[in-house]
Amino acid sequence: MISSKFNHRLRVNCDKKNSRLCIGLDINPDLLPEKQDKSITGLLKFSKDIIDATIEFCPVYKLNMAFYERFGSNGYAWMEKVVEYIGGRAITIADGKRGDIGSTTHQYRTAIFDKIGFDSVTVSPYMGTDSILPFSEDETKGVFILCLSSNNSALDLQYHSSGSRKVYEIVADIAMGINTSDNIGLV
């Protein structure tokens, strides 16, 4: 029997394409050439062109939600069309680093997984496990927990110690402890 658990699906997809590549579809129209059509229609076409050029060897696409949300409902429509266009040919990650109390997290989960159709999401663990667990209820959906980032101000929090352990080490341990459905990873 083939497992439907997210981490298994991710491994299979990476092995099938012989790649561990994750392409960030974090399209910033402010950085595109002047001649590029920067309307939502033009940005959707640009997104599809990237996918068409890479889908054979790219197992994962990450969409940073901020680049879409900045356009309001039109941006959400663009994001939904990109996820629909990928259409199961690769794993999709909603990079929103969501994290709030349980009832709010349930709403985020519904929007990201059920309405937009993403396969996985990035979350912030700093409100505790109740900001993560609602995302992990469905073993077919993945949860990437923010653990250790490369931005300069990561030092402000992630490298602080609690006893002999760094905060990021504690986050990693929490992730391992709640990964009962084999659908949790780390960022």
N, C-alpha and C. Protein backbone atom coordinates (compact mmCIF):
# COMPACT_ATOMS: atom_id res chain seq x y z
N MET A 1 0.84 -1.18 0.00
CA MET A 1 0.00 0.00 0.00
C MET A 1 0.89 1.24 0.00
N ILE A 2 0.59 2.19 -0.87
CA ILE A 2 1.35 3.43 -0.96
C ILE A 2 0.85 4.38 0.12
N SER A 3 1.79 4.94 0.88
CA SER A 3 1.44 5.86 1.95
C SER A 3 0.96 7.18 1.38
N SER A 4 -0.04 7.75 2.03
CA SER A 4 -0.52 9.07 1.64
C SER A 4 0.05 10.15 2.55
N LYS A 5 0.89 9.74 3.51
CA LYS A 5 1.46 10.72 4.43
C LYS A 5 2.33 11.70 3.67
N PHE A 6 2.26 12.96 4.09
CA PHE A 6 2.90 14.03 3.35
C PHE A 6 4.39 13.79 3.15
N ASN A 7 5.13 13.47 4.19
CA ASN A 7 6.58 13.32 4.05
C ASN A 7 6.94 12.20 3.08
N HIS A 8 6.13 11.16 3.05
CA HIS A 8 6.36 10.07 2.08
C HIS A 8 6.11 10.59 0.66
N ARG A 9 5.00 11.31 0.46
CA ARG A 9 4.70 11.87 -0.86
C ARG A 9 5.81 12.82 -1.31
N LEU A 10 6.34 13.61 -0.38
CA LEU A 10 7.42 14.54 -0.71
C LEU A 10 8.66 13.77 -1.16
N ARG A 11 9.03 12.73 -0.41
CA ARG A 11 10.21 11.91 -0.79
C ARG A 11 10.00 11.26 -2.15
N VAL A 12 8.84 10.70 -2.39
CA VAL A 12 8.55 10.04 -3.66
C VAL A 12 8.63 11.03 -4.81
N ASN A 13 8.07 12.20 -4.62
CA ASN A 13 8.09 13.21 -5.68
C ASN A 13 9.52 13.67 -5.97
N CYS A 14 10.31 13.87 -4.92
CA CYS A 14 11.72 14.26 -5.10
C CYS A 14 12.50 13.14 -5.81
N ASP A 15 12.27 11.90 -5.40
CA ASP A 15 12.97 10.77 -6.03
C ASP A 15 12.56 10.62 -7.49
N LYS A 16 11.27 10.77 -7.77
CA LYS A 16 10.76 10.63 -9.14
C LYS A 16 11.41 11.65 -10.08
N LYS A 17 11.63 12.87 -9.57
CA LYS A 17 12.23 13.92 -10.40
C LYS A 17 13.74 14.02 -10.18
N ASN A 18 14.27 13.11 -9.34
CA ASN A 18 15.70 13.08 -9.03
C ASN A 18 16.22 14.47 -8.67
N SER A 19 15.48 15.14 -7.78
CA SER A 19 15.81 16.51 -7.43
C SER A 19 15.26 16.84 -6.05
N ARG A 20 15.94 17.74 -5.38
CA ARG A 20 15.47 18.29 -4.10
C ARG A 20 15.19 19.78 -4.24
N LEU A 21 15.01 20.23 -5.47
CA LEU A 21 14.82 21.64 -5.77
C LEU A 21 13.46 22.13 -5.29
N CYS A 22 13.47 23.29 -4.68
CA CYS A 22 12.24 23.99 -4.33
C CYS A 22 12.35 25.39 -4.93
N ILE A 23 11.47 25.69 -5.86
CA ILE A 23 11.49 27.00 -6.50
C ILE A 23 10.50 27.92 -5.80
N GLY A 24 11.01 29.08 -5.38
CA GLY A 24 10.17 30.08 -4.76
C GLY A 24 9.50 30.93 -5.81
N LEU A 25 8.20 30.85 -5.89
CA LEU A 25 7.44 31.69 -6.82
C LEU A 25 7.04 32.96 -6.07
N ASP A 26 8.06 33.65 -5.58
CA ASP A 26 7.91 34.88 -4.80
C ASP A 26 8.12 36.05 -5.76
N ILE A 27 7.15 36.24 -6.61
CA ILE A 27 7.29 37.16 -7.74
C ILE A 27 6.99 38.59 -7.29
N ASN A 28 8.02 39.42 -7.39
CA ASN A 28 7.91 40.82 -7.01
C ASN A 28 7.89 41.66 -8.29
N PRO A 29 6.74 42.19 -8.68
CA PRO A 29 6.66 42.93 -9.93
C PRO A 29 7.57 44.17 -9.95
N ASP A 30 7.91 44.68 -8.77
CA ASP A 30 8.80 45.85 -8.69
C ASP A 30 10.20 45.53 -9.20
N LEU A 31 10.56 44.26 -9.23
CA LEU A 31 11.89 43.86 -9.66
C LEU A 31 11.93 43.31 -11.09
N LEU A 32 10.79 43.24 -11.73
CA LEU A 32 10.73 42.72 -13.09
C LEU A 32 11.12 43.80 -14.09
N PRO A 33 11.58 43.40 -15.27
CA PRO A 33 11.95 44.38 -16.30
C PRO A 33 10.76 45.25 -16.68
N GLU A 34 11.04 46.44 -17.14
CA GLU A 34 10.00 47.40 -17.53
C GLU A 34 9.02 46.82 -18.55
N LYS A 35 9.55 46.04 -19.50
CA LYS A 35 8.69 45.52 -20.57
C LYS A 35 7.75 44.42 -20.09
N GLN A 36 7.99 43.85 -18.91
CA GLN A 36 7.15 42.78 -18.37
C GLN A 36 5.75 43.31 -18.04
N ASP A 37 4.73 42.58 -18.46
CA ASP A 37 3.35 42.92 -18.10
C ASP A 37 3.18 42.67 -16.61
N LYS A 38 2.89 43.72 -15.85
CA LYS A 38 2.81 43.61 -14.39
C LYS A 38 1.37 43.59 -13.89
N SER A 39 0.44 43.41 -14.81
CA SER A 39 -0.96 43.21 -14.40
C SER A 39 -1.07 41.81 -13.79
N ILE A 40 -2.16 41.53 -13.12
CA ILE A 40 -2.36 40.19 -12.56
C ILE A 40 -2.34 39.15 -13.66
N THR A 41 -2.93 39.46 -14.80
CA THR A 41 -2.90 38.54 -15.94
C THR A 41 -1.47 38.29 -16.40
N GLY A 42 -0.67 39.36 -16.49
CA GLY A 42 0.73 39.22 -16.89
C GLY A 42 1.55 38.45 -15.87
N LEU A 43 1.28 38.69 -14.58
CA LEU A 43 2.00 37.98 -13.52
C LEU A 43 1.63 36.49 -13.50
N LEU A 44 0.38 36.19 -13.78
CA LEU A 44 -0.04 34.79 -13.87
C LEU A 44 0.66 34.11 -15.05
N LYS A 45 0.72 34.77 -16.17
CA LYS A 45 1.42 34.20 -17.33
C LYS A 45 2.89 33.98 -16.99
N PHE A 46 3.52 34.96 -16.36
CA PHE A 46 4.92 34.84 -15.96
C PHE A 46 5.11 33.63 -15.02
N SER A 47 4.20 33.48 -14.05
CA SER A 47 4.25 32.34 -13.13
C SER A 47 4.15 31.01 -13.89
N LYS A 48 3.20 30.94 -14.81
CA LYS A 48 3.02 29.72 -15.60
C LYS A 48 4.24 29.42 -16.46
N ASP A 49 4.87 30.48 -17.00
CA ASP A 49 6.08 30.28 -17.81
C ASP A 49 7.20 29.66 -16.97
N ILE A 50 7.35 30.12 -15.73
CA ILE A 50 8.37 29.55 -14.83
C ILE A 50 8.06 28.09 -14.56
N ILE A 51 6.81 27.81 -14.26
CA ILE A 51 6.40 26.42 -13.97
C ILE A 51 6.63 25.54 -15.21
N ASP A 52 6.20 26.00 -16.37
CA ASP A 52 6.36 25.22 -17.60
C ASP A 52 7.84 24.91 -17.87
N ALA A 53 8.72 25.86 -17.57
CA ALA A 53 10.14 25.68 -17.85
C ALA A 53 10.83 24.77 -16.83
N THR A 54 10.18 24.51 -15.69
CA THR A 54 10.87 23.77 -14.61
C THR A 54 10.13 22.54 -14.09
N ILE A 55 8.91 22.33 -14.50
CA ILE A 55 8.07 21.28 -13.89
C ILE A 55 8.67 19.89 -14.05
N GLU A 56 9.43 19.65 -15.11
CA GLU A 56 10.01 18.31 -15.31
C GLU A 56 10.99 17.93 -14.21
N PHE A 57 11.69 18.91 -13.66
CA PHE A 57 12.72 18.59 -12.67
C PHE A 57 12.49 19.25 -11.30
N CYS A 58 11.42 19.99 -11.14
CA CYS A 58 11.15 20.65 -9.87
C CYS A 58 10.05 19.92 -9.11
N PRO A 59 10.38 19.32 -7.95
CA PRO A 59 9.37 18.60 -7.19
C PRO A 59 8.55 19.48 -6.24
N VAL A 60 9.01 20.72 -5.97
CA VAL A 60 8.35 21.56 -4.97
C VAL A 60 8.37 23.02 -5.41
N TYR A 61 7.21 23.66 -5.27
CA TYR A 61 7.11 25.11 -5.49
C TYR A 61 6.60 25.75 -4.20
N LYS A 62 7.27 26.84 -3.82
CA LYS A 62 6.91 27.59 -2.62
C LYS A 62 6.40 28.95 -3.04
N LEU A 63 5.22 29.30 -2.60
CA LEU A 63 4.65 30.61 -2.89
C LEU A 63 4.62 31.41 -1.60
N ASN A 64 5.44 32.47 -1.51
CA ASN A 64 5.39 33.34 -0.35
C ASN A 64 4.12 34.16 -0.49
N MET A 65 3.20 33.96 0.42
CA MET A 65 1.86 34.52 0.31
C MET A 65 1.85 36.05 0.28
N ALA A 66 2.83 36.69 0.88
CA ALA A 66 2.86 38.15 0.93
C ALA A 66 2.92 38.77 -0.47
N PHE A 67 3.62 38.11 -1.39
CA PHE A 67 3.75 38.65 -2.74
C PHE A 67 2.42 38.61 -3.50
N TYR A 68 1.51 37.77 -3.06
CA TYR A 68 0.19 37.66 -3.67
C TYR A 68 -0.82 38.49 -2.88
N GLU A 69 -0.75 38.40 -1.56
CA GLU A 69 -1.70 39.10 -0.70
C GLU A 69 -1.63 40.62 -0.87
N ARG A 70 -0.49 41.14 -1.27
CA ARG A 70 -0.35 42.60 -1.43
C ARG A 70 -1.34 43.14 -2.46
N PHE A 71 -1.88 42.27 -3.33
CA PHE A 71 -2.85 42.68 -4.34
C PHE A 71 -4.29 42.42 -3.90
N GLY A 72 -4.50 42.05 -2.65
CA GLY A 72 -5.85 41.80 -2.16
C GLY A 72 -6.50 40.62 -2.85
N SER A 73 -7.78 40.75 -3.13
CA SER A 73 -8.52 39.63 -3.72
C SER A 73 -7.97 39.22 -5.08
N ASN A 74 -7.46 40.17 -5.85
CA ASN A 74 -6.85 39.82 -7.14
C ASN A 74 -5.60 38.96 -6.93
N GLY A 75 -4.83 39.27 -5.90
CA GLY A 75 -3.64 38.48 -5.60
C GLY A 75 -3.99 37.08 -5.13
N TYR A 76 -5.06 36.98 -4.33
CA TYR A 76 -5.50 35.65 -3.91
C TYR A 76 -5.95 34.83 -5.12
N ALA A 77 -6.64 35.48 -6.06
CA ALA A 77 -7.07 34.77 -7.27
C ALA A 77 -5.85 34.30 -8.06
N TRP A 78 -4.84 35.14 -8.18
CA TRP A 78 -3.59 34.77 -8.86
C TRP A 78 -2.95 33.57 -8.17
N MET A 79 -2.84 33.64 -6.83
CA MET A 79 -2.24 32.55 -6.08
C MET A 79 -3.03 31.25 -6.28
N GLU A 80 -4.35 31.33 -6.20
CA GLU A 80 -5.17 30.14 -6.40
C GLU A 80 -4.97 29.55 -7.79
N LYS A 81 -4.86 30.41 -8.80
CA LYS A 81 -4.66 29.93 -10.17
C LYS A 81 -3.29 29.29 -10.35
N VAL A 82 -2.28 29.80 -9.66
CA VAL A 82 -0.94 29.18 -9.72
C VAL A 82 -0.98 27.79 -9.10
N VAL A 83 -1.59 27.67 -7.93
CA VAL A 83 -1.69 26.35 -7.27
C VAL A 83 -2.48 25.39 -8.15
N GLU A 84 -3.57 25.88 -8.72
CA GLU A 84 -4.39 25.05 -9.62
C GLU A 84 -3.58 24.64 -10.85
N TYR A 85 -2.78 25.54 -11.39
CA TYR A 85 -1.98 25.24 -12.58
C TYR A 85 -0.93 24.16 -12.29
N ILE A 86 -0.33 24.23 -11.12
CA ILE A 86 0.63 23.18 -10.73
C ILE A 86 -0.10 21.85 -10.66
N GLY A 87 -1.31 21.88 -10.15
CA GLY A 87 -2.25 20.78 -10.27
C GLY A 87 -1.75 19.40 -9.86
N GLY A 88 -1.01 19.31 -8.78
CA GLY A 88 -0.56 18.00 -8.32
C GLY A 88 0.68 17.50 -9.02
N ARG A 89 1.21 18.25 -9.96
CA ARG A 89 2.43 17.83 -10.67
C ARG A 89 3.67 18.07 -9.81
N ALA A 90 3.51 18.82 -8.74
CA ALA A 90 4.59 19.09 -7.78
C ALA A 90 3.92 19.42 -6.45
N ILE A 91 4.68 19.37 -5.39
CA ILE A 91 4.21 19.74 -4.07
C ILE A 91 4.18 21.27 -3.99
N THR A 92 3.15 21.82 -3.35
CA THR A 92 3.06 23.26 -3.16
C THR A 92 3.15 23.61 -1.68
N ILE A 93 3.89 24.69 -1.40
CA ILE A 93 4.05 25.18 -0.04
C ILE A 93 3.50 26.59 0.04
N ALA A 94 2.57 26.81 0.96
CA ALA A 94 2.08 28.16 1.26
C ALA A 94 3.03 28.74 2.29
N ASP A 95 3.91 29.63 1.85
CA ASP A 95 4.88 30.23 2.76
C ASP A 95 4.28 31.49 3.37
N GLY A 96 3.56 31.29 4.46
CA GLY A 96 2.92 32.40 5.14
C GLY A 96 3.36 32.53 6.58
N LYS A 97 4.10 31.54 7.06
CA LYS A 97 4.58 31.50 8.44
C LYS A 97 3.45 31.86 9.42
N ARG A 98 2.32 31.24 9.20
CA ARG A 98 1.16 31.48 10.04
C ARG A 98 1.40 30.89 11.42
N GLY A 99 0.73 31.43 12.41
CA GLY A 99 0.83 30.91 13.76
C GLY A 99 0.02 31.76 14.71
N ASP A 100 -1.00 31.18 15.28
CA ASP A 100 -1.86 31.91 16.19
C ASP A 100 -2.53 30.88 17.08
N ILE A 101 -3.45 31.32 17.93
CA ILE A 101 -4.13 30.38 18.81
C ILE A 101 -4.94 29.39 17.98
N GLY A 102 -5.30 28.30 18.59
CA GLY A 102 -5.93 27.18 17.88
C GLY A 102 -7.10 27.52 17.00
N SER A 103 -8.06 28.31 17.51
CA SER A 103 -9.26 28.60 16.71
C SER A 103 -8.91 29.40 15.46
N THR A 104 -7.97 30.32 15.56
CA THR A 104 -7.54 31.08 14.40
C THR A 104 -6.76 30.20 13.45
N THR A 105 -5.92 29.34 13.99
CA THR A 105 -5.13 28.43 13.17
C THR A 105 -6.04 27.51 12.36
N HIS A 106 -7.15 27.09 12.95
CA HIS A 106 -8.12 26.27 12.19
C HIS A 106 -8.63 27.03 10.97
N GLN A 107 -8.84 28.32 11.10
CA GLN A 107 -9.31 29.13 9.97
C GLN A 107 -8.22 29.24 8.90
N TYR A 108 -6.97 29.47 9.34
CA TYR A 108 -5.85 29.50 8.38
C TYR A 108 -5.75 28.16 7.64
N ARG A 109 -5.87 27.06 8.39
CA ARG A 109 -5.77 25.73 7.79
C ARG A 109 -6.84 25.54 6.73
N THR A 110 -8.06 25.91 7.05
CA THR A 110 -9.15 25.77 6.09
C THR A 110 -8.88 26.58 4.83
N ALA A 111 -8.44 27.83 4.99
CA ALA A 111 -8.17 28.68 3.83
C ALA A 111 -7.04 28.11 2.98
N ILE A 112 -5.94 27.76 3.62
CA ILE A 112 -4.74 27.35 2.89
C ILE A 112 -4.89 25.98 2.25
N PHE A 113 -5.42 25.03 2.98
CA PHE A 113 -5.53 23.67 2.46
C PHE A 113 -6.83 23.43 1.68
N ASP A 114 -7.96 23.79 2.27
CA ASP A 114 -9.25 23.43 1.67
C ASP A 114 -9.70 24.39 0.58
N LYS A 115 -9.45 25.67 0.76
CA LYS A 115 -9.94 26.66 -0.22
C LYS A 115 -8.92 26.94 -1.32
N ILE A 116 -7.66 27.22 -0.95
CA ILE A 116 -6.65 27.53 -1.97
C ILE A 116 -6.07 26.26 -2.56
N GLY A 117 -5.92 25.21 -1.77
CA GLY A 117 -5.49 23.92 -2.29
C GLY A 117 -4.01 23.61 -2.15
N PHE A 118 -3.32 24.29 -1.25
CA PHE A 118 -1.90 24.00 -1.03
C PHE A 118 -1.73 22.61 -0.41
N ASP A 119 -0.55 22.03 -0.65
CA ASP A 119 -0.19 20.74 -0.05
C ASP A 119 0.43 20.89 1.33
N SER A 120 1.03 22.06 1.58
CA SER A 120 1.74 22.26 2.84
C SER A 120 1.83 23.75 3.16
N VAL A 121 2.31 24.04 4.37
CA VAL A 121 2.34 25.41 4.86
C VAL A 121 3.55 25.60 5.76
N THR A 122 4.06 26.83 5.81
CA THR A 122 5.06 27.18 6.81
C THR A 122 4.34 27.82 7.99
N VAL A 123 4.80 27.50 9.21
CA VAL A 123 4.16 28.04 10.41
C VAL A 123 5.21 28.56 11.39
N SER A 124 4.78 29.50 12.19
CA SER A 124 5.62 30.01 13.28
C SER A 124 5.21 29.30 14.56
N PRO A 125 6.16 28.74 15.30
CA PRO A 125 5.83 27.95 16.48
C PRO A 125 5.77 28.76 17.78
N TYR A 126 5.95 30.04 17.71
CA TYR A 126 6.21 30.79 18.93
C TYR A 126 4.99 31.06 19.80
N MET A 127 3.82 30.58 19.41
CA MET A 127 2.66 30.60 20.30
C MET A 127 2.40 29.21 20.87
N GLY A 128 3.30 28.27 20.57
CA GLY A 128 3.17 26.92 21.11
C GLY A 128 2.54 25.95 20.13
N THR A 129 2.36 24.74 20.61
CA THR A 129 1.88 23.68 19.73
C THR A 129 0.46 23.90 19.24
N ASP A 130 -0.34 24.67 19.98
CA ASP A 130 -1.70 24.89 19.47
C ASP A 130 -1.71 25.78 18.24
N SER A 131 -0.56 26.39 17.91
CA SER A 131 -0.46 27.15 16.66
C SER A 131 0.01 26.27 15.51
N ILE A 132 0.33 25.02 15.80
CA ILE A 132 0.84 24.08 14.79
C ILE A 132 -0.12 22.92 14.55
N LEU A 133 -0.60 22.34 15.63
CA LEU A 133 -1.35 21.08 15.54
C LEU A 133 -2.55 21.10 14.59
N PRO A 134 -3.34 22.18 14.53
CA PRO A 134 -4.46 22.15 13.57
C PRO A 134 -4.01 21.94 12.12
N PHE A 135 -2.82 22.43 11.78
CA PHE A 135 -2.30 22.23 10.42
C PHE A 135 -1.90 20.78 10.19
N SER A 136 -1.54 20.07 11.24
CA SER A 136 -1.00 18.71 11.08
C SER A 136 -2.06 17.61 11.22
N GLU A 137 -3.31 17.99 11.40
CA GLU A 137 -4.36 16.99 11.60
C GLU A 137 -4.55 16.06 10.41
N ASP A 138 -4.36 16.58 9.22
CA ASP A 138 -4.51 15.78 7.99
C ASP A 138 -3.13 15.29 7.59
N GLU A 139 -2.89 14.00 7.68
CA GLU A 139 -1.55 13.44 7.41
C GLU A 139 -1.11 13.61 5.97
N THR A 140 -2.03 13.96 5.08
CA THR A 140 -1.65 14.18 3.68
C THR A 140 -1.13 15.60 3.44
N LYS A 141 -1.27 16.46 4.42
CA LYS A 141 -0.82 17.85 4.31
C LYS A 141 0.43 18.04 5.16
N GLY A 142 1.36 18.84 4.65
CA GLY A 142 2.63 19.06 5.33
C GLY A 142 2.69 20.36 6.10
N VAL A 143 3.50 20.36 7.15
CA VAL A 143 3.70 21.52 8.00
C VAL A 143 5.20 21.73 8.17
N PHE A 144 5.70 22.87 7.71
CA PHE A 144 7.11 23.21 7.87
C PHE A 144 7.20 24.27 8.96
N ILE A 145 7.79 23.89 10.08
CA ILE A 145 7.87 24.76 11.25
C ILE A 145 9.12 25.62 11.18
N LEU A 146 8.92 26.92 11.33
CA LEU A 146 10.05 27.85 11.37
C LEU A 146 10.91 27.50 12.57
N CYS A 147 12.16 27.16 12.31
CA CYS A 147 13.05 26.72 13.38
C CYS A 147 14.28 27.62 13.47
N LEU A 148 15.00 27.75 12.37
CA LEU A 148 16.23 28.53 12.37
C LEU A 148 16.33 29.23 11.02
N SER A 149 16.34 30.54 11.04
CA SER A 149 16.37 31.29 9.80
C SER A 149 17.72 31.98 9.62
N SER A 150 17.97 32.46 8.41
CA SER A 150 19.27 33.03 8.07
C SER A 150 19.30 34.55 8.11
N ASN A 151 18.18 35.18 8.42
CA ASN A 151 18.17 36.63 8.48
C ASN A 151 19.00 37.12 9.68
N ASN A 152 19.58 38.30 9.56
CA ASN A 152 20.48 38.82 10.60
C ASN A 152 19.83 38.89 11.97
N SER A 153 18.58 39.27 12.05
CA SER A 153 17.95 39.43 13.35
C SER A 153 17.45 38.11 13.94
N ALA A 154 17.74 37.00 13.29
CA ALA A 154 17.45 35.69 13.90
C ALA A 154 18.16 35.58 15.25
N LEU A 155 19.27 36.28 15.36
CA LEU A 155 20.03 36.29 16.62
C LEU A 155 19.21 36.86 17.77
N ASP A 156 18.23 37.70 17.47
CA ASP A 156 17.41 38.32 18.51
C ASP A 156 16.66 37.29 19.34
N LEU A 157 16.32 36.17 18.76
CA LEU A 157 15.50 35.18 19.45
C LEU A 157 16.00 33.75 19.29
N GLN A 158 16.27 33.33 18.07
CA GLN A 158 16.49 31.92 17.79
C GLN A 158 17.75 31.34 18.43
N TYR A 159 18.74 32.17 18.69
CA TYR A 159 19.99 31.68 19.28
C TYR A 159 20.04 31.85 20.80
N HIS A 160 18.99 32.40 21.37
CA HIS A 160 18.97 32.54 22.83
C HIS A 160 18.90 31.16 23.47
N SER A 161 19.39 31.08 24.68
CA SER A 161 19.44 29.80 25.37
C SER A 161 18.38 29.72 26.46
N SER A 162 17.89 28.53 26.63
CA SER A 162 17.06 28.19 27.78
C SER A 162 17.79 27.03 28.44
N GLY A 163 18.50 27.34 29.50
CA GLY A 163 19.39 26.34 30.08
C GLY A 163 20.57 26.17 29.15
N SER A 164 20.84 24.94 28.78
CA SER A 164 21.97 24.65 27.89
C SER A 164 21.54 24.54 26.42
N ARG A 165 20.26 24.81 26.13
CA ARG A 165 19.75 24.60 24.78
C ARG A 165 19.31 25.91 24.15
N LYS A 166 19.57 26.03 22.87
CA LYS A 166 19.14 27.19 22.10
C LYS A 166 17.65 27.05 21.78
N VAL A 167 17.00 28.18 21.57
CA VAL A 167 15.58 28.18 21.25
C VAL A 167 15.31 27.33 20.01
N TYR A 168 16.14 27.45 18.98
CA TYR A 168 15.90 26.66 17.77
C TYR A 168 16.01 25.16 18.03
N GLU A 169 16.84 24.77 18.98
CA GLU A 169 16.95 23.35 19.33
C GLU A 169 15.68 22.87 20.02
N ILE A 170 15.11 23.71 20.84
CA ILE A 170 13.85 23.37 21.51
C ILE A 170 12.73 23.24 20.47
N VAL A 171 12.69 24.16 19.51
CA VAL A 171 11.69 24.09 18.44
C VAL A 171 11.83 22.78 17.67
N ALA A 172 13.07 22.40 17.35
CA ALA A 172 13.30 21.15 16.62
C ALA A 172 12.80 19.95 17.42
N ASP A 173 13.05 19.95 18.72
CA ASP A 173 12.57 18.86 19.57
C ASP A 173 11.05 18.81 19.62
N ILE A 174 10.42 19.98 19.72
CA ILE A 174 8.95 20.03 19.71
C ILE A 174 8.42 19.44 18.40
N ALA A 175 9.04 19.83 17.29
CA ALA A 175 8.61 19.32 15.99
C ALA A 175 8.71 17.80 15.93
N MET A 176 9.82 17.26 16.41
CA MET A 176 9.98 15.80 16.42
C MET A 176 8.92 15.14 17.31
N GLY A 177 8.61 15.77 18.42
CA GLY A 177 7.65 15.20 19.36
C GLY A 177 6.22 15.18 18.85
N ILE A 178 5.87 16.14 18.01
CA ILE A 178 4.48 16.19 17.52
C ILE A 178 4.32 15.61 16.12
N ASN A 179 5.40 15.09 15.55
CA ASN A 179 5.34 14.55 14.19
C ASN A 179 4.82 13.12 14.18
N THR A 180 3.66 12.93 14.74
CA THR A 180 3.09 11.59 14.85
C THR A 180 2.49 11.09 13.54
N SER A 181 2.24 11.99 12.60
CA SER A 181 1.64 11.59 11.32
C SER A 181 2.62 11.69 10.16
N ASP A 182 3.90 11.84 10.44
CA ASP A 182 4.94 11.94 9.41
C ASP A 182 4.59 13.01 8.37
N ASN A 183 4.24 14.20 8.88
CA ASN A 183 3.91 15.29 7.97
C ASN A 183 4.48 16.63 8.43
N ILE A 184 5.51 16.59 9.27
CA ILE A 184 6.12 17.81 9.78
C ILE A 184 7.57 17.87 9.35
N GLY A 185 8.00 19.06 8.97
CA GLY A 185 9.40 19.33 8.63
C GLY A 185 9.81 20.65 9.25
N LEU A 186 11.04 21.05 9.01
CA LEU A 186 11.58 22.29 9.58
C LEU A 186 12.04 23.24 8.49
N VAL A 187 11.92 24.53 8.77
CA VAL A 187 12.49 25.58 7.94
C VAL A 187 13.66 26.14 8.71
